[in-house]
């Protein structure tokens, strides 16, 4: 049971990261989604920059420990992306990339806001 729940948390974690990275593409003319995505961007940047633990990482590690699996150390991105996609990449570079993705998304919102302002709303 713990393993299945840990896998579900892993999937939820991945979906959240995809939402942070690509959410701006689905928020146009959807104010509720836009505000949810902006909050997610801010949370994503804070989790990457500050020494905070993501609640999803904590839940996944707790469930893995309950299943008898040794929980991983560090954050989700460092554990999975470093092992699968970016082997031997310094953690600072991976964190910088995550923050850059968030800044690009915020830039998309800034451009949209500027265009609306020029159009007179």
Protein backbone atom coordinates (compact mmCIF):
# COMPACT_ATOMS: atom_id res chain seq x y z
CA UNK A 1 0.00 0.00 0.00
CA UNK A 2 2.81 2.42 0.89
CA UNK A 3 4.56 1.78 -2.42
CA UNK A 4 1.43 2.54 -4.42
CA UNK A 5 0.84 5.76 -2.50
CA UNK A 6 4.49 6.77 -2.94
CA UNK A 7 4.13 6.20 -6.69
CA UNK A 8 0.98 8.35 -6.71
CA UNK A 9 2.82 11.15 -4.89
CA UNK A 10 5.67 10.82 -7.40
CA UNK A 11 3.19 11.23 -10.28
CA UNK A 12 1.57 14.20 -8.54
CA UNK A 13 4.99 15.76 -8.03
CA UNK A 14 5.84 15.35 -11.70
CA UNK A 15 2.49 16.84 -12.73
CA UNK A 16 3.10 19.83 -10.47
CA UNK A 17 6.51 20.43 -12.04
CA UNK A 18 4.99 20.21 -15.53
CA UNK A 19 2.30 22.67 -14.41
CA UNK A 20 4.98 25.11 -13.20
CA UNK A 21 7.00 24.79 -16.42
CA UNK A 22 4.17 24.84 -18.98
CA UNK A 23 1.21 26.32 -17.07
CA UNK A 24 1.45 29.74 -18.72
CA UNK A 25 0.44 28.11 -22.01
CA UNK A 26 -3.03 27.24 -20.70
CA UNK A 27 -3.81 30.27 -18.55
CA UNK A 28 -4.66 32.80 -21.24
CA UNK A 29 -8.13 34.24 -20.61
CA UNK A 30 -8.51 32.02 -17.55
CA UNK A 31 -7.97 34.27 -14.53
CA UNK A 32 -8.39 31.56 -11.90
CA UNK A 33 -5.81 29.34 -13.59
CA UNK A 34 -3.52 32.34 -14.07
CA UNK A 35 -3.51 33.13 -10.35
CA UNK A 36 -3.04 29.47 -9.44
CA UNK A 37 -0.12 29.26 -11.82
CA UNK A 38 1.47 32.46 -10.52
CA UNK A 39 1.24 31.08 -6.99
CA UNK A 40 2.78 27.83 -8.19
CA UNK A 41 5.63 29.72 -9.86
CA UNK A 42 6.39 31.64 -6.70
CA UNK A 43 6.26 28.44 -4.63
CA UNK A 44 8.52 26.67 -7.15
CA UNK A 45 11.11 29.44 -7.02
CA UNK A 46 11.05 29.59 -3.22
CA UNK A 47 11.47 25.82 -2.91
CA UNK A 48 14.44 25.92 -5.29
CA UNK A 49 16.16 28.94 -3.77
CA UNK A 50 15.49 28.54 -0.05
CA UNK A 51 16.45 25.55 2.10
CA UNK A 52 12.82 24.45 2.42
CA UNK A 53 11.50 20.93 1.96
CA UNK A 54 8.64 20.41 -0.46
CA UNK A 55 5.66 18.72 1.22
CA UNK A 56 5.37 16.32 -1.72
CA UNK A 57 9.01 15.24 -1.29
CA UNK A 58 8.43 14.76 2.41
CA UNK A 59 5.26 12.68 1.77
CA UNK A 60 7.00 10.55 -0.86
CA UNK A 61 9.95 9.86 1.44
CA UNK A 62 7.65 9.02 4.36
CA UNK A 63 5.66 6.58 2.23
CA UNK A 64 8.81 4.99 0.82
CA UNK A 65 10.14 4.50 4.36
CA UNK A 66 6.83 2.86 5.27
CA UNK A 67 7.27 0.53 2.29
CA UNK A 68 10.75 -0.45 3.45
CA UNK A 69 12.57 1.56 0.77
CA UNK A 70 15.41 3.85 1.78
CA UNK A 71 14.17 7.42 1.17
CA UNK A 72 16.31 9.63 -1.01
CA UNK A 73 18.15 12.65 0.33
CA UNK A 74 17.75 16.12 -1.15
CA UNK A 75 15.04 17.42 -3.40
CA UNK A 76 12.90 15.80 -6.05
CA UNK A 77 14.66 17.47 -8.98
CA UNK A 78 18.11 16.57 -7.77
CA UNK A 79 17.14 12.98 -7.08
CA UNK A 80 15.21 12.10 -10.24
CA UNK A 81 16.47 14.49 -12.89
CA UNK A 82 20.09 14.19 -11.86
CA UNK A 83 19.89 10.40 -11.93
CA UNK A 84 17.87 10.07 -15.14
CA UNK A 85 18.36 13.10 -17.34
CA UNK A 86 21.30 15.16 -16.16
CA UNK A 87 23.88 12.86 -14.61
CA UNK A 88 26.75 14.63 -12.86
CA UNK A 89 25.29 18.12 -13.25
CA UNK A 90 26.13 20.40 -10.32
CA UNK A 91 23.10 21.05 -8.09
CA UNK A 92 23.55 24.82 -8.44
CA UNK A 93 23.16 24.59 -12.21
CA UNK A 94 20.00 22.51 -11.89
CA UNK A 95 18.57 24.99 -9.38
CA UNK A 96 19.50 27.87 -11.67
CA UNK A 97 17.73 26.19 -14.56
CA UNK A 98 14.60 25.73 -12.44
CA UNK A 99 14.59 29.39 -11.44
CA UNK A 100 15.20 30.43 -15.06
CA UNK A 101 12.13 28.47 -16.17
CA UNK A 102 10.07 30.30 -13.55
CA UNK A 103 11.47 33.68 -14.63
CA UNK A 104 10.59 32.94 -18.28
CA UNK A 105 7.03 32.12 -17.23
CA UNK A 106 6.81 35.35 -15.24
CA UNK A 107 8.10 37.16 -18.34
CA UNK A 108 5.24 35.67 -20.37
CA UNK A 109 2.78 37.09 -17.83
CA UNK A 110 4.53 40.48 -17.90
CA UNK A 111 4.22 40.63 -21.71
CA UNK A 112 0.53 39.68 -21.53
CA UNK A 113 -0.10 42.32 -18.87
CA UNK A 114 1.73 44.96 -20.90
CA UNK A 115 -0.27 44.13 -24.05
CA UNK A 116 -3.56 44.29 -22.17
CA UNK A 117 -2.57 47.58 -20.66
CA UNK A 118 -1.73 49.02 -24.08
CA UNK A 119 -5.04 47.74 -25.47
CA UNK A 120 -6.88 49.55 -22.69
CA UNK A 121 -8.12 46.34 -21.09
